[in-house]
Structures are given as structure tokens and as C-alpha cells.
């Protein structure tokens, strides 16, 4: 697999393209992504943005934000906007991004991480555990919240 897995600080010039890509996938205003990404690039936050590139094409990505539109404000930060282009699915891209974000956040002392999703069975493959249910902002039903607890592999490495 000849993909590159990066955080946005490694390629800050693609911020606009990344914000547009996430906007197209999730329908959240591009400006919201730009604001979060800009704060990350300026060093105002360590809540980062991570991408998988096939050449210069963004084919997968995710971010870290304080709260992913749910009522459990105490469960922070949240991994958000996890997406892999359909034709690239089944190659471990999302899993690699999920590991990358967990390792990067833990190296900065930010752990555990939370994630809201309606998926069952997917995130468990990558070290996430079901934690609780939360009320999504503007949603009728409840949504699943997962937790990624600290890994001890970083402790052994250094």
C-alpha cells in the first residue's frame, strides 16, 4: 500500500482541500473545519487532523474535537469525521488512522479518546470499547459512545 498517513501539521498547505473534503463527506460547514484546523496548525490546540493520501488525493481522514455533537460534554476529546472513500475501504486505512490518532494524542498526554457512532463491530477491531449511550444534538434516538483507553505499548517503547 503506497499511501501516506499524515497529520495536517506535516502538510499545512492542504488545509483548504482537507476542510472541503470533510465538508463534502459530512455536510458540516467548511468554515467549522477550517476553524478547528487553523487552531491546530497555530498550536492553540493539540486536537489534530489526520489524513490518508494516495499521492495528493485525500482518501481517508479523521479529526479530534472537544465534543462531537452529543450531550455528554464530560466525555472529551472526541475523534470525529472518520471517513474512507468507498473504493479504498477494506484496506485498513481507517484502522491505521485510528491507531495514528490514538498514539499521537497519548504521546501528548491526551487520553482516553471518545467516539460516537452508529456502527457496531467496526471500532472494536481497533482497540475501541463500547462505553455508553449519549443523546446526539438534535437527534431523536441515542447514539453509541466508544472509548479508546491508553495503550501500554508506548510505555514499553520509551
C-alpha atoms as a PDB file:
ATOM      1  CA  UNK A   1       0.000   0.000   0.000  1.00  0.00           C
ATOM      2  CA  UNK A   2       1.677   3.200  -1.161  1.00  0.00           C
ATOM      3  CA  UNK A   3      -0.387   5.585   0.919  1.00  0.00           C
ATOM      4  CA  UNK A   4       0.943   8.271   3.214  1.00  0.00           C
ATOM      5  CA  UNK A   5      -0.586   8.809   6.633  1.00  0.00           C
ATOM      6  CA  UNK A   6      -0.018  12.310   7.953  1.00  0.00           C
ATOM      7  CA  UNK A   7      -1.238  14.864  10.414  1.00  0.00           C
ATOM      8  CA  UNK A   8      -2.165  18.225   8.973  1.00  0.00           C
ATOM      9  CA  UNK A   9       0.868  19.907  10.544  1.00  0.00           C
ATOM     10  CA  UNK A  10       3.037  17.857   8.176  1.00  0.00           C
ATOM     11  CA  UNK A  11       1.254  19.339   5.122  1.00  0.00           C
ATOM     12  CA  UNK A  12      -0.401  22.603   6.273  1.00  0.00           C
ATOM     13  CA  UNK A  13      -0.874  23.834   2.697  1.00  0.00           C
ATOM     14  CA  UNK A  14      -3.617  21.252   2.132  1.00  0.00           C
ATOM     15  CA  UNK A  15      -5.816  22.658   4.929  1.00  0.00           C
ATOM     16  CA  UNK A  16      -8.291  24.201   2.479  1.00  0.00           C
ATOM     17  CA  UNK A  17      -8.579  20.977   0.474  1.00  0.00           C
ATOM     18  CA  UNK A  18      -8.946  18.954   3.676  1.00  0.00           C
ATOM     19  CA  UNK A  19     -11.674  21.241   5.047  1.00  0.00           C
ATOM     20  CA  UNK A  20     -13.532  20.978   1.733  1.00  0.00           C
ATOM     21  CA  UNK A  21     -13.129  17.170   1.686  1.00  0.00           C
ATOM     22  CA  UNK A  22     -14.538  16.752   5.222  1.00  0.00           C
ATOM     23  CA  UNK A  23     -17.351  19.207   4.431  1.00  0.00           C
ATOM     24  CA  UNK A  24     -18.378  17.142   1.380  1.00  0.00           C
ATOM     25  CA  UNK A  25     -18.363  13.913   3.408  1.00  0.00           C
ATOM     26  CA  UNK A  26     -20.281  15.124   6.459  1.00  0.00           C
ATOM     27  CA  UNK A  27     -22.211  18.264   5.491  1.00  0.00           C
ATOM     28  CA  UNK A  28     -20.760  20.258   8.379  1.00  0.00           C
ATOM     29  CA  UNK A  29     -19.910  23.800   7.191  1.00  0.00           C
ATOM     30  CA  UNK A  30     -16.431  24.068   5.713  1.00  0.00           C
ATOM     31  CA  UNK A  31     -15.789  27.050   7.989  1.00  0.00           C
ATOM     32  CA  UNK A  32     -16.191  24.839  11.062  1.00  0.00           C
ATOM     33  CA  UNK A  33     -13.453  22.532   9.802  1.00  0.00           C
ATOM     34  CA  UNK A  34     -11.256  25.493   8.853  1.00  0.00           C
ATOM     35  CA  UNK A  35     -11.606  26.960  12.336  1.00  0.00           C
ATOM     36  CA  UNK A  36     -10.607  23.694  14.047  1.00  0.00           C
ATOM     37  CA  UNK A  37      -7.776  23.017  11.610  1.00  0.00           C
ATOM     38  CA  UNK A  38      -6.436  26.550  11.913  1.00  0.00           C
ATOM     39  CA  UNK A  39      -6.369  26.292  15.716  1.00  0.00           C
ATOM     40  CA  UNK A  40      -4.421  23.045  15.381  1.00  0.00           C
ATOM     41  CA  UNK A  41      -1.952  24.496  12.878  1.00  0.00           C
ATOM     42  CA  UNK A  42      -1.365  27.596  15.048  1.00  0.00           C
ATOM     43  CA  UNK A  43      -0.700  25.414  18.093  1.00  0.00           C
ATOM     44  CA  UNK A  44      -3.736  26.680  20.017  1.00  0.00           C
ATOM     45  CA  UNK A  45      -4.784  23.042  20.475  1.00  0.00           C
ATOM     46  CA  UNK A  46      -3.258  19.606  20.107  1.00  0.00           C
ATOM     47  CA  UNK A  47      -6.581  18.260  18.820  1.00  0.00           C
ATOM     48  CA  UNK A  48      -5.356  17.307  15.380  1.00  0.00           C
ATOM     49  CA  UNK A  49      -6.453  16.288  11.919  1.00  0.00           C
ATOM     50  CA  UNK A  50      -5.148  13.149  10.245  1.00  0.00           C
ATOM     51  CA  UNK A  51      -5.268  12.156   6.610  1.00  0.00           C
ATOM     52  CA  UNK A  52      -4.502   9.256   4.327  1.00  0.00           C
ATOM     53  CA  UNK A  53      -3.197  10.398   0.965  1.00  0.00           C
ATOM     54  CA  UNK A  54      -2.942   8.444  -2.272  1.00  0.00           C
ATOM     55  CA  UNK A  55      -0.467  10.717  -3.995  1.00  0.00           C
ATOM     56  CA  UNK A  56      -2.049  14.132  -3.485  1.00  0.00           C
ATOM     57  CA  UNK A  57      -5.608  12.773  -3.206  1.00  0.00           C
ATOM     58  CA  UNK A  58      -7.238  12.623   0.231  1.00  0.00           C
ATOM     59  CA  UNK A  59      -8.774   9.159   0.529  1.00  0.00           C
ATOM     60  CA  UNK A  60      -9.344   8.954   4.278  1.00  0.00           C
ATOM     61  CA  UNK A  61      -9.350  11.153   7.308  1.00  0.00           C
ATOM     62  CA  UNK A  62     -10.470  11.960  10.815  1.00  0.00           C
ATOM     63  CA  UNK A  63     -10.114  14.693  13.384  1.00  0.00           C
ATOM     64  CA  UNK A  64     -10.150  15.336  17.108  1.00  0.00           C
ATOM     65  CA  UNK A  65     -12.541  17.877  18.621  1.00  0.00           C
ATOM     66  CA  UNK A  66     -13.830  18.656  22.098  1.00  0.00           C
ATOM     67  CA  UNK A  67     -17.350  17.286  21.517  1.00  0.00           C
ATOM     68  CA  UNK A  68     -18.906  15.561  18.516  1.00  0.00           C
ATOM     69  CA  UNK A  69     -22.434  16.952  18.852  1.00  0.00           C
ATOM     70  CA  UNK A  70     -23.722  14.984  21.857  1.00  0.00           C
ATOM     71  CA  UNK A  71     -24.903  15.682  25.399  1.00  0.00           C
ATOM     72  CA  UNK A  72     -22.015  14.016  27.251  1.00  0.00           C
ATOM     73  CA  UNK A  73     -19.725  17.052  27.379  1.00  0.00           C
ATOM     74  CA  UNK A  74     -17.670  15.269  30.063  1.00  0.00           C
ATOM     75  CA  UNK A  75     -16.509  12.691  27.502  1.00  0.00           C
ATOM     76  CA  UNK A  76     -13.747  14.563  25.700  1.00  0.00           C
ATOM     77  CA  UNK A  77     -11.982  14.781  23.377  1.00  0.00           C
ATOM     78  CA  UNK A  78     -13.845  13.065  20.562  1.00  0.00           C
ATOM     79  CA  UNK A  79     -12.469  11.514  17.404  1.00  0.00           C
ATOM     80  CA  UNK A  80     -14.757  12.789  14.655  1.00  0.00           C
ATOM     81  CA  UNK A  81     -15.448  12.671  10.934  1.00  0.00           C
ATOM     82  CA  UNK A  82     -13.929   9.214  10.369  1.00  0.00           C
ATOM     83  CA  UNK A  83     -14.245   8.530   6.661  1.00  0.00           C
ATOM     84  CA  UNK A  84     -12.593   6.449   3.946  1.00  0.00           C
ATOM     85  CA  UNK A  85     -13.511   6.814   0.277  1.00  0.00           C
ATOM     86  CA  UNK A  86     -15.639   3.838  -0.779  1.00  0.00           C
ATOM     87  CA  UNK A  87     -13.197   2.497  -3.357  1.00  0.00           C
ATOM     88  CA  UNK A  88     -10.443   2.487  -0.704  1.00  0.00           C
ATOM     89  CA  UNK A  89     -12.374   0.646   2.010  1.00  0.00           C
ATOM     90  CA  UNK A  90     -11.315  -2.769   3.262  1.00  0.00           C
ATOM     91  CA  UNK A  91      -7.601  -1.927   3.133  1.00  0.00           C
ATOM     92  CA  UNK A  92      -7.124  -0.955   6.789  1.00  0.00           C
ATOM     93  CA  UNK A  93      -6.971   2.789   6.144  1.00  0.00           C
ATOM     94  CA  UNK A  94      -9.445   3.761   8.876  1.00  0.00           C
ATOM     95  CA  UNK A  95      -7.751   1.404  11.318  1.00  0.00           C
ATOM     96  CA  UNK A  96      -4.358   2.900  10.595  1.00  0.00           C
ATOM     97  CA  UNK A  97      -5.758   6.427  11.075  1.00  0.00           C
ATOM     98  CA  UNK A  98      -7.430   5.389  14.338  1.00  0.00           C
ATOM     99  CA  UNK A  99      -4.145   3.962  15.624  1.00  0.00           C
ATOM    100  CA  UNK A 100      -2.249   7.052  14.463  1.00  0.00           C
ATOM    101  CA  UNK A 101      -4.575   9.454  16.289  1.00  0.00           C
ATOM    102  CA  UNK A 102      -4.558   7.351  19.465  1.00  0.00           C
ATOM    103  CA  UNK A 103      -0.761   7.149  19.514  1.00  0.00           C
ATOM    104  CA  UNK A 104      -0.327  10.850  18.749  1.00  0.00           C
ATOM    105  CA  UNK A 105      -2.831  12.001  21.364  1.00  0.00           C
ATOM    106  CA  UNK A 106      -1.417   9.644  24.001  1.00  0.00           C
ATOM    107  CA  UNK A 107       2.118  10.902  23.292  1.00  0.00           C
ATOM    108  CA  UNK A 108       0.802  14.381  24.204  1.00  0.00           C
ATOM    109  CA  UNK A 109      -0.840  13.145  27.393  1.00  0.00           C
ATOM    110  CA  UNK A 110      -4.340  13.244  25.901  1.00  0.00           C
ATOM    111  CA  UNK A 111      -6.137  10.028  26.768  1.00  0.00           C
ATOM    112  CA  UNK A 112      -8.643   8.437  26.738  1.00  0.00           C
ATOM    113  CA  UNK A 113     -10.365   9.333  23.482  1.00  0.00           C
ATOM    114  CA  UNK A 114     -14.088   9.024  22.762  1.00  0.00           C
ATOM    115  CA  UNK A 115     -16.004   8.493  19.556  1.00  0.00           C
ATOM    116  CA  UNK A 116     -19.711   8.493  18.703  1.00  0.00           C
ATOM    117  CA  UNK A 117     -21.032   6.143  16.055  1.00  0.00           C
ATOM    118  CA  UNK A 118     -23.945   4.006  14.994  1.00  0.00           C
ATOM    119  CA  UNK A 119     -21.555   1.277  13.825  1.00  0.00           C
ATOM    120  CA  UNK A 120     -21.166  -1.898  15.842  1.00  0.00           C
ATOM    121  CA  UNK A 121     -18.265  -4.289  15.408  1.00  0.00           C
ATOM    122  CA  UNK A 122     -16.016  -1.964  13.406  1.00  0.00           C
ATOM    123  CA  UNK A 123     -14.255   0.118  16.046  1.00  0.00           C
ATOM    124  CA  UNK A 124     -13.793  -2.848  18.374  1.00  0.00           C
ATOM    125  CA  UNK A 125     -11.286  -4.248  15.857  1.00  0.00           C
ATOM    126  CA  UNK A 126      -9.054  -1.252  16.549  1.00  0.00           C
ATOM    127  CA  UNK A 127      -8.971  -1.219  20.335  1.00  0.00           C
ATOM    128  CA  UNK A 128     -12.141   0.778  20.990  1.00  0.00           C
ATOM    129  CA  UNK A 129     -14.702  -0.388  23.553  1.00  0.00           C
ATOM    130  CA  UNK A 130     -18.388   0.440  23.839  1.00  0.00           C
ATOM    131  CA  UNK A 131     -18.674   2.893  26.754  1.00  0.00           C
ATOM    132  CA  UNK A 132     -22.233   4.252  26.990  1.00  0.00           C
ATOM    133  CA  UNK A 133     -25.120   5.773  25.097  1.00  0.00           C
ATOM    134  CA  UNK A 134     -25.451   9.529  24.549  1.00  0.00           C
ATOM    135  CA  UNK A 135     -28.078  11.844  23.150  1.00  0.00           C
ATOM    136  CA  UNK A 136     -26.995  13.352  19.855  1.00  0.00           C
ATOM    137  CA  UNK A 137     -27.662  17.069  19.427  1.00  0.00           C
ATOM    138  CA  UNK A 138     -30.953  17.385  17.543  1.00  0.00           C
ATOM    139  CA  UNK A 139     -31.351  13.604  17.337  1.00  0.00           C
ATOM    140  CA  UNK A 140     -34.389  11.639  18.432  1.00  0.00           C
ATOM    141  CA  UNK A 141     -32.538   8.474  19.372  1.00  0.00           C
ATOM    142  CA  UNK A 142     -29.471   7.692  21.376  1.00  0.00           C
ATOM    143  CA  UNK A 143     -26.069   7.045  19.827  1.00  0.00           C
ATOM    144  CA  UNK A 144     -23.237   4.749  20.849  1.00  0.00           C
ATOM    145  CA  UNK A 145     -20.125   6.198  22.521  1.00  0.00           C
ATOM    146  CA  UNK A 146     -16.859   4.295  22.354  1.00  0.00           C
ATOM    147  CA  UNK A 147     -13.679   4.805  24.366  1.00  0.00           C
ATOM    148  CA  UNK A 148     -10.063   4.194  23.408  1.00  0.00           C
ATOM    149  CA  UNK A 149      -8.120   3.740  26.598  1.00  0.00           C
ATOM    150  CA  UNK A 150      -4.381   4.365  26.883  1.00  0.00           C
ATOM    151  CA  UNK A 151      -2.181   1.782  25.254  1.00  0.00           C
ATOM    152  CA  UNK A 152       0.729   0.457  27.234  1.00  0.00           C
ATOM    153  CA  UNK A 153       2.836  -0.123  24.114  1.00  0.00           C
ATOM    154  CA  UNK A 154       4.071   3.479  24.284  1.00  0.00           C
ATOM    155  CA  UNK A 155       5.246   2.888  27.842  1.00  0.00           C
ATOM    156  CA  UNK A 156       7.461  -0.011  26.724  1.00  0.00           C
ATOM    157  CA  UNK A 157       8.955   1.983  23.848  1.00  0.00           C
ATOM    158  CA  UNK A 158      10.197   4.850  25.808  1.00  0.00           C
END
